[in-house]
Protein backbone atom coordinates (compact mmCIF):
# COMPACT_ATOMS: atom_id res chain seq x y z
CA GLN A 1 -2.47 -16.52 -9.94
CA VAL A 2 -3.78 -14.32 -7.16
CA GLN A 3 -3.54 -10.56 -6.97
CA LEU A 4 -2.51 -9.06 -3.64
CA VAL A 5 -3.00 -5.51 -2.39
CA GLU A 6 -1.60 -4.33 0.94
CA SER A 7 -2.98 -1.42 2.94
CA GLY A 8 -2.82 0.03 6.42
CA GLY A 9 0.71 1.36 6.49
CA GLY A 10 1.59 4.79 7.80
CA LEU A 11 3.59 6.85 10.25
CA VAL A 12 3.39 5.97 13.93
CA GLN A 13 5.37 6.79 17.04
CA ALA A 14 7.43 4.15 18.79
CA GLY A 15 5.21 2.06 21.03
CA GLY A 16 2.22 2.56 18.78
CA SER A 17 0.23 0.09 16.72
CA LEU A 18 -0.79 -0.46 13.13
CA ARG A 19 -2.86 -3.10 11.40
CA LEU A 20 -1.90 -4.11 7.89
CA SER A 21 -4.29 -5.83 5.51
CA CYS A 22 -3.61 -7.88 2.43
CA ALA A 23 -6.62 -8.26 0.15
CA ALA A 24 -6.54 -11.05 -2.39
CA SER A 25 -8.44 -11.49 -5.63
CA GLY A 26 -8.34 -14.06 -8.36
CA ARG A 27 -8.12 -17.67 -7.38
CA THR A 28 -9.52 -19.21 -4.20
CA PHE A 29 -7.83 -17.48 -1.30
CA SER A 30 -8.03 -20.48 1.03
CA ARG A 31 -5.71 -22.42 -1.31
CA TYR A 32 -2.81 -20.18 -0.46
CA PHE A 33 -0.10 -20.25 2.15
CA MET A 34 0.50 -16.65 3.13
CA SER A 35 3.38 -14.64 4.55
CA TRP A 36 4.41 -11.12 5.41
CA PHE A 37 7.87 -9.84 4.52
CA ARG A 38 9.51 -6.46 4.94
CA GLN A 39 12.40 -4.57 3.42
CA ALA A 40 14.12 -1.62 5.04
CA PRO A 41 16.21 0.84 3.03
CA GLY A 42 19.58 -0.63 2.20
CA LYS A 43 18.69 -4.01 3.63
CA GLU A 44 17.59 -7.32 2.21
CA ARG A 45 14.00 -8.42 2.33
CA GLU A 46 13.28 -10.39 5.47
CA PHE A 47 10.58 -12.77 6.62
CA VAL A 48 8.14 -11.44 9.21
CA ALA A 49 5.29 -13.92 9.66
CA TYR A 50 3.61 -16.95 8.08
CA ILE A 51 0.12 -18.41 8.24
CA SER A 52 -1.08 -21.67 6.76
CA ARG A 53 -4.16 -22.12 4.60
CA THR A 54 -6.54 -22.57 7.52
CA GLY A 55 -4.60 -20.52 10.05
CA GLY A 56 -3.74 -23.60 12.05
CA SER A 57 -0.02 -23.10 11.66
CA ILE A 58 1.66 -19.76 12.34
CA ASP A 59 5.28 -18.70 12.54
CA TYR A 60 7.07 -15.44 13.34
CA ALA A 61 10.50 -14.00 12.99
CA ASP A 62 12.23 -13.71 16.34
CA SER A 63 12.36 -9.93 15.95
CA VAL A 64 8.56 -9.60 15.98
CA GLN A 65 7.53 -12.53 18.16
CA GLY A 66 5.21 -11.33 20.92
CA ARG A 67 4.53 -7.98 19.25
CA PHE A 68 3.00 -8.90 15.88
CA THR A 69 0.00 -11.13 15.20
CA ILE A 70 -0.79 -12.64 11.82
CA SER A 71 -4.30 -13.76 10.96
CA ARG A 72 -6.56 -14.39 7.99
CA ASP A 73 -10.23 -14.38 7.16
CA ASN A 74 -10.81 -16.71 4.25
CA SER A 75 -14.42 -15.54 3.94
CA LYS A 76 -13.11 -12.04 3.22
CA ASN A 77 -10.09 -13.11 1.16
CA THR A 78 -7.91 -11.05 3.48
CA MET A 79 -4.83 -11.55 5.64
CA TYR A 80 -3.85 -9.23 8.47
CA LEU A 81 -0.81 -8.24 10.46
CA GLN A 82 -1.50 -6.58 13.79
CA MET A 83 1.64 -4.77 14.87
CA ASN A 84 1.91 -3.59 18.47
CA ASN A 85 4.70 -1.94 20.43
CA LEU A 86 6.29 -0.79 17.21
CA LYS A 87 9.97 0.13 17.20
CA PRO A 88 11.97 2.37 14.85
CA GLU A 89 13.70 -0.75 13.54
CA ASP A 90 10.32 -1.97 12.26
CA THR A 91 10.41 0.80 9.66
CA ALA A 92 10.21 -0.85 6.24
CA VAL A 93 8.03 -1.55 3.25
CA TYR A 94 5.82 -4.48 4.17
CA TYR A 95 4.82 -7.00 1.53
CA CYS A 96 2.35 -9.84 1.57
CA ALA A 97 3.08 -12.95 -0.43
CA ALA A 98 1.17 -16.08 -1.35
CA ASP A 99 1.72 -19.46 -2.89
CA ASP A 100 -0.46 -22.56 -3.24
CA ARG A 101 2.40 -25.02 -3.70
CA ILE A 102 3.26 -27.22 -0.77
CA GLY A 103 6.86 -27.03 0.42
CA ILE A 104 7.90 -23.90 -1.43
CA PRO A 105 10.35 -21.78 0.57
CA ARG A 106 8.59 -18.65 1.72
CA GLY A 107 10.97 -16.29 -0.03
CA LEU A 108 10.15 -17.99 -3.32
CA TYR A 109 6.40 -17.44 -3.29
CA ASN A 110 5.18 -16.54 -6.76
CA ASN A 111 2.58 -13.92 -5.83
CA TRP A 112 3.54 -10.60 -4.21
CA GLY A 113 1.80 -7.37 -3.42
CA GLN A 114 3.16 -3.91 -4.17
CA GLY A 115 3.97 -3.16 -0.54
CA THR A 116 2.88 -0.64 2.06
CA GLN A 117 5.23 1.71 3.92
CA VAL A 118 5.46 1.56 7.68
CA THR A 119 7.47 4.28 9.39
CA VAL A 120 8.05 4.29 13.13
CA SER A 121 9.43 7.46 14.63
CA SER A 122 11.44 7.51 17.84
């Protein structure tokens, strides 16, 4: 198992930027496929971004493509989500998730952080 702790959330005006971090501890970080998810009040959790073990493969939800950038630093056991041009509809609790099993659907990862709140005011 790996323990995940998100940070970097906060309140920002529309058009602003935030950088989220996900710090991992426990097993070897570079073993894990990593993703960001978010959940807005009254809505289901949704996929935001994915990064492979080495960072060579990246994927984004259409809603954040071109505005968000996912990255990782395996030497620091940390994943990041740079969020630019934020919109009120980006308001949600953001979660990082990890799994070392190949082929597991992203929503079924077995390691999750506690989440960090992002609020974008209009």
